[in-house]
Amino acid sequence: DAFEAAIEGRREQRAASLRARQADLLLTATLPQHTLNQLMTGCAGELDEADSAAVFFADMKGFTAWSARRDAISVFKLLSRITEELDAAAARRSVVEKVKTVGDAYWAVCGLPEPVVDPADVILEFAIDALMTIANVRETDTTNWGDAVAFRIGVAVERCTGGILGTSRLSYEVVGPATDLAMFCEARGEPDRICATQLFYDSLSEISHVHPIPHPTAVTAHDNQPLLFLDLQPEKNGNEGSQLSSVSQCALPPPLMSSS
């Protein structure tokens, strides 16, 4: 009896240890590691602040009309596929933190909760990945997807603050000028293009792969900062001055280091 009790006790310990590891993995997938460390040390109320962080905000142009013609399961499967691919792109750059998805919108930040060297460069590379992702989905799944929906992307670099909101179903939120400007750029953007503030472009350390085109009308609301479309430079095939009609034609930049 004592032996069996000991075996059962070990089984319970292993099961408890497995549940704890699963809970840790779930928390790690939900909140930034820096924020988890704050939770573990009783500092959950502390805010993270950055003088220069880059924010990415993307929304699917035409999604409402597209989803209205399909059943909910098909819509969910599409959103899941795109979100998983963007999550993987963020994971490849450990300094890109997904903030959240809101329906067909995807929101990410670089430089918060911890500072990063050249956050604008990292977010631009992530934005290029996003364009490639949705182009690939259109090309490989035309029957279900069609060609009516495309990403409209806004990026900005500015001050922002992050922290946990609420006490249940915890969410890490990022607020401030960087978020406001990225959303502003997205709302005034065009399908399959990256819209950025002038400050974002000026913050890039590598610009050889992008071609800035002034937005025809829009400026930021609070400081009249001009907006730009950051189109990707075409490969050298005699058409360098032309605007890209397909993301797949672009010459991608070399991968950026993910260490901060």
Protein backbone atom coordinates (compact mmCIF):
# COMPACT_ATOMS: atom_id res chain seq x y z
CA ASP A 1 0.00 0.00 0.00
CA ALA A 2 2.79 2.41 0.86
CA PHE A 3 4.52 1.66 -2.45
CA GLU A 4 1.34 2.25 -4.44
CA ALA A 5 0.72 5.48 -2.53
CA ALA A 6 4.23 6.65 -3.35
CA ILE A 7 3.74 5.86 -7.06
CA GLU A 8 0.42 7.70 -7.07
CA GLY A 9 2.03 10.66 -5.33
CA ARG A 10 4.70 10.86 -8.02
CA ARG A 11 2.09 10.70 -10.74
CA GLU A 12 0.22 13.57 -9.17
CA GLN A 13 3.43 15.57 -8.89
CA ARG A 14 4.25 14.98 -12.57
CA ALA A 15 0.70 15.93 -13.57
CA ALA A 16 0.88 19.12 -11.50
CA SER A 17 4.27 19.96 -13.01
CA LEU A 18 2.89 19.44 -16.52
CA ARG A 19 -0.10 21.67 -15.80
CA ALA A 20 2.23 24.37 -14.45
CA ARG A 21 4.40 24.22 -17.59
CA GLN A 22 1.31 24.42 -19.78
CA ALA A 23 0.10 27.43 -17.82
CA ASP A 24 3.52 29.09 -18.21
CA LEU A 25 3.46 28.49 -21.97
CA LEU A 26 -0.03 29.95 -22.20
CA LEU A 27 0.99 33.05 -20.26
CA THR A 28 4.11 33.46 -22.41
CA ALA A 29 1.95 33.32 -25.53
CA THR A 30 -0.42 35.92 -24.04
CA LEU A 31 1.86 38.55 -22.49
CA PRO A 32 5.39 39.85 -23.16
CA GLN A 33 8.07 38.12 -21.08
CA HIS A 34 9.03 41.42 -19.48
CA THR A 35 5.43 41.90 -18.34
CA LEU A 36 5.24 38.33 -17.02
CA ASN A 37 8.36 38.99 -14.95
CA GLN A 38 6.63 42.05 -13.49
CA LEU A 39 3.60 39.94 -12.60
CA MET A 40 5.75 37.33 -10.87
CA THR A 41 7.48 39.98 -8.77
CA GLY A 42 4.31 41.82 -7.82
CA CYS A 43 4.93 44.83 -10.08
CA ALA A 44 1.99 44.32 -12.42
CA GLY A 45 0.83 47.92 -12.09
CA GLU A 46 4.05 49.40 -13.49
CA LEU A 47 3.87 50.99 -16.94
CA ASP A 48 6.44 50.63 -19.72
CA GLU A 49 7.39 53.83 -21.50
CA ALA A 50 9.39 54.41 -24.67
CA ASP A 51 10.47 57.68 -26.26
CA SER A 52 10.82 55.98 -29.64
CA ALA A 53 8.89 52.79 -30.40
CA ALA A 54 7.50 51.65 -33.74
CA VAL A 55 3.90 50.54 -34.15
CA PHE A 56 2.38 48.45 -36.95
CA PHE A 57 -1.34 48.46 -37.63
CA ALA A 58 -2.95 46.59 -40.53
CA ASP A 59 -6.53 46.19 -41.62
CA MET A 60 -8.03 44.21 -44.49
CA LYS A 61 -9.53 46.48 -47.11
CA GLY A 62 -12.76 44.97 -48.42
CA PHE A 63 -13.04 42.42 -45.63
CA THR A 64 -16.60 43.33 -44.61
CA ALA A 65 -17.98 42.79 -48.11
CA TRP A 66 -15.90 39.64 -48.55
CA SER A 67 -16.99 38.08 -45.26
CA ALA A 68 -20.66 38.91 -45.89
CA ARG A 69 -20.63 36.48 -48.83
CA ARG A 70 -19.16 33.57 -46.83
CA ASP A 71 -20.10 31.48 -43.83
CA ALA A 72 -18.59 32.19 -40.43
CA ILE A 73 -16.40 29.07 -40.40
CA SER A 74 -14.73 30.04 -43.69
CA VAL A 75 -14.13 33.55 -42.41
CA PHE A 76 -12.63 32.25 -39.18
CA LYS A 77 -10.33 29.83 -41.05
CA LEU A 78 -9.01 32.64 -43.22
CA LEU A 79 -8.40 34.97 -40.28
CA SER A 80 -6.71 32.13 -38.41
CA ARG A 81 -4.36 31.37 -41.30
CA ILE A 82 -3.28 34.96 -41.76
CA THR A 83 -2.95 35.60 -38.03
CA GLU A 84 -0.82 32.49 -37.52
CA GLU A 85 1.51 33.51 -40.34
CA LEU A 86 1.89 37.02 -38.92
CA ASP A 87 2.46 35.57 -35.45
CA ALA A 88 5.23 33.42 -36.92
CA ALA A 89 6.75 36.48 -38.62
CA ALA A 90 6.72 38.32 -35.29
CA ALA A 91 8.27 35.31 -33.53
CA ARG A 92 11.13 35.28 -36.05
CA ARG A 93 11.94 38.75 -34.80
CA SER A 94 11.81 38.30 -31.05
CA VAL A 95 11.68 42.08 -30.56
CA VAL A 96 8.32 42.43 -32.34
CA GLU A 97 5.48 42.13 -29.83
CA LYS A 98 2.00 41.35 -31.03
CA VAL A 99 -0.42 43.59 -29.16
CA LYS A 100 -3.62 41.95 -30.37
CA THR A 101 -5.91 41.17 -33.26
CA VAL A 102 -9.24 42.95 -33.52
CA GLY A 103 -11.29 41.06 -36.07
CA ASP A 104 -9.40 41.50 -39.35
CA ALA A 105 -6.96 44.05 -37.89
CA TYR A 106 -3.47 43.15 -36.61
CA TRP A 107 -1.54 45.35 -34.19
CA ALA A 108 2.13 45.01 -33.20
CA VAL A 109 4.89 47.07 -31.59
CA CYS A 110 8.70 47.11 -31.54
CA GLY A 111 10.61 48.92 -28.79
CA LEU A 112 8.12 48.20 -26.03
CA PRO A 113 8.07 46.87 -23.36
CA GLU A 114 11.87 46.90 -23.78
CA PRO A 115 13.97 49.26 -25.93
CA VAL A 116 15.22 48.07 -29.33
CA VAL A 117 17.86 49.43 -31.68
CA ASP A 118 16.32 50.72 -34.93
CA PRO A 119 12.69 49.77 -34.17
CA ALA A 120 11.45 51.42 -37.38
CA ASP A 121 13.64 49.14 -39.51
CA VAL A 122 12.32 46.05 -37.73
CA ILE A 123 8.68 47.09 -38.08
CA LEU A 124 9.18 47.92 -41.77
CA GLU A 125 10.57 44.45 -42.39
CA PHE A 126 7.61 43.00 -40.51
CA ALA A 127 5.25 45.09 -42.66
CA ILE A 128 6.89 43.71 -45.80
CA ASP A 129 6.32 40.21 -44.45
CA ALA A 130 2.65 41.08 -43.92
CA LEU A 131 2.29 42.17 -47.55
CA MET A 132 4.01 38.99 -48.71
CA THR A 133 1.75 36.90 -46.49
CA ILE A 134 -1.52 38.22 -47.87
CA ALA A 135 -0.20 38.13 -51.45
CA ASN A 136 0.75 34.48 -50.97
CA VAL A 137 -2.70 33.65 -49.57
CA ARG A 138 -4.35 35.27 -52.59
CA GLU A 139 -2.12 33.39 -55.02
CA THR A 140 -2.40 29.96 -53.39
CA ASP A 141 -6.06 30.00 -52.35
CA THR A 142 -7.83 32.09 -54.98
CA THR A 143 -10.97 29.93 -54.93
CA ASN A 144 -11.72 30.65 -51.28
CA TRP A 145 -10.02 34.02 -51.02
CA GLY A 146 -10.42 35.76 -54.33
CA ASP A 147 -8.56 38.99 -54.97
CA ALA A 148 -10.93 41.47 -53.37
CA VAL A 149 -9.23 41.79 -49.97
CA ALA A 150 -5.81 43.30 -49.30
CA PHE A 151 -3.86 44.68 -46.36
CA ARG A 152 -3.80 48.42 -45.77
CA ILE A 153 -0.82 49.02 -43.45
CA GLY A 154 0.10 51.98 -41.26
CA VAL A 155 3.43 52.36 -39.44
CA ALA A 156 4.73 55.09 -37.15
CA VAL A 157 7.51 55.72 -34.66
CA GLU A 158 6.92 57.94 -31.66
CA ARG A 159 6.43 57.88 -27.89
CA CYS A 160 4.14 55.25 -26.40
CA THR A 161 3.23 53.62 -23.11
CA GLY A 162 2.30 50.01 -22.44
CA GLY A 163 0.80 48.10 -19.56
CA ILE A 164 -1.78 45.56 -18.44
CA LEU A 165 -5.41 46.58 -18.40
CA GLY A 166 -7.90 44.89 -16.11
CA THR A 167 -7.61 41.99 -13.70
CA SER A 168 -9.18 39.17 -15.71
CA ARG A 169 -8.32 37.93 -19.22
CA LEU A 170 -5.26 40.13 -19.02
CA SER A 171 -4.35 42.23 -22.04
CA TYR A 172 -1.16 44.19 -22.72
CA GLU A 173 -2.18 47.50 -24.30
CA VAL A 174 -0.06 50.12 -26.06
CA VAL A 175 -1.27 53.72 -26.11
CA GLY A 176 0.21 57.05 -27.15
CA PRO A 177 1.24 58.96 -30.28
CA ALA A 178 2.90 55.96 -31.98
CA THR A 179 -0.32 53.93 -31.87
CA ASP A 180 -2.51 56.88 -32.82
CA LEU A 181 -0.31 57.74 -35.81
CA ALA A 182 -0.05 54.14 -37.06
CA MET A 183 -3.85 53.85 -37.02
CA PHE A 184 -4.11 57.25 -38.70
CA CYS A 185 -1.76 56.10 -41.46
CA GLU A 186 -3.66 52.84 -41.95
CA ALA A 187 -7.00 54.62 -42.25
CA ARG A 188 -5.58 56.87 -44.98
CA GLY A 189 -3.61 54.17 -46.73
CA GLU A 190 -4.20 52.14 -49.85
CA PRO A 191 -4.46 48.38 -50.42
CA ASP A 192 -1.14 46.51 -50.61
CA ARG A 193 0.85 49.58 -49.58
CA ILE A 194 2.62 50.74 -46.44
CA CYS A 195 1.68 54.24 -45.28
CA ALA A 196 4.09 55.93 -42.85
CA THR A 197 4.79 59.23 -41.19
CA GLN A 198 7.72 61.34 -42.32
CA LEU A 199 9.34 60.74 -38.91
CA PHE A 200 9.14 56.98 -39.44
CA TYR A 201 10.94 57.26 -42.77
CA ASP A 202 13.56 59.59 -41.29
CA SER A 203 14.15 57.03 -38.51
CA LEU A 204 15.09 54.22 -40.91
CA SER A 205 18.76 53.29 -40.96
CA GLU A 206 18.40 51.36 -44.24
CA ILE A 207 16.32 52.88 -47.04
CA SER A 208 17.81 51.38 -50.21
CA HIS A 209 14.89 48.96 -50.60
CA VAL A 210 12.09 51.51 -50.22
CA HIS A 211 10.88 54.29 -52.47
CA PRO A 212 9.04 57.05 -50.56
CA ILE A 213 6.09 58.60 -52.38
CA PRO A 214 4.29 61.56 -50.77
CA HIS A 215 0.68 60.96 -49.85
CA PRO A 216 -1.43 63.14 -52.16
CA THR A 217 -3.49 64.75 -49.39
CA ALA A 218 -2.96 63.50 -45.85
CA VAL A 219 -0.93 65.05 -43.03
CA THR A 220 -1.04 64.16 -39.35
CA ALA A 221 -3.66 65.95 -37.31
CA HIS A 222 -1.55 67.23 -34.43
CA ASP A 223 1.64 68.49 -36.13
CA ASN A 224 0.91 68.58 -39.89
CA GLN A 225 3.54 65.89 -40.45
CA PRO A 226 3.34 64.62 -44.05
CA LEU A 227 2.49 61.00 -44.78
CA LEU A 228 4.41 58.81 -47.21
CA PHE A 229 3.80 55.57 -49.06
CA LEU A 230 6.86 53.34 -48.66
CA ASP A 231 6.73 51.38 -51.89
CA LEU A 232 9.30 48.65 -52.37
CA GLN A 233 12.03 49.10 -54.95
CA PRO A 234 11.61 46.74 -57.91
CA GLU A 235 14.39 44.40 -58.86
CA LYS A 236 16.84 45.80 -61.38
CA ASN A 237 15.15 44.81 -64.59
CA GLY A 238 14.97 48.11 -66.40
CA ASN A 239 11.81 49.27 -64.62
CA GLU A 240 13.26 50.80 -61.50
CA GLY A 241 11.17 53.93 -61.74
CA SER A 242 7.84 52.15 -61.98
CA GLN A 243 5.41 51.63 -59.13
CA LEU A 244 5.07 48.02 -58.04
CA SER A 245 1.87 46.25 -58.97
CA SER A 246 2.75 43.10 -57.02
CA VAL A 247 4.58 42.64 -53.75
CA SER A 248 6.27 39.53 -55.11
CA GLN A 249 8.24 41.71 -57.55
CA CYS A 250 10.13 43.53 -54.81
CA ALA A 251 13.72 43.13 -53.79
CA LEU A 252 13.49 42.30 -50.10
CA PRO A 253 16.02 43.69 -47.60
CA PRO A 254 18.36 41.32 -45.75
CA PRO A 255 16.94 39.96 -42.46
CA LEU A 256 17.51 42.21 -39.47
CA MET A 257 19.10 40.95 -36.29
CA SER A 258 16.46 40.29 -33.63
CA SER A 259 18.65 41.06 -30.63
CA SER A 260 18.05 44.32 -28.85
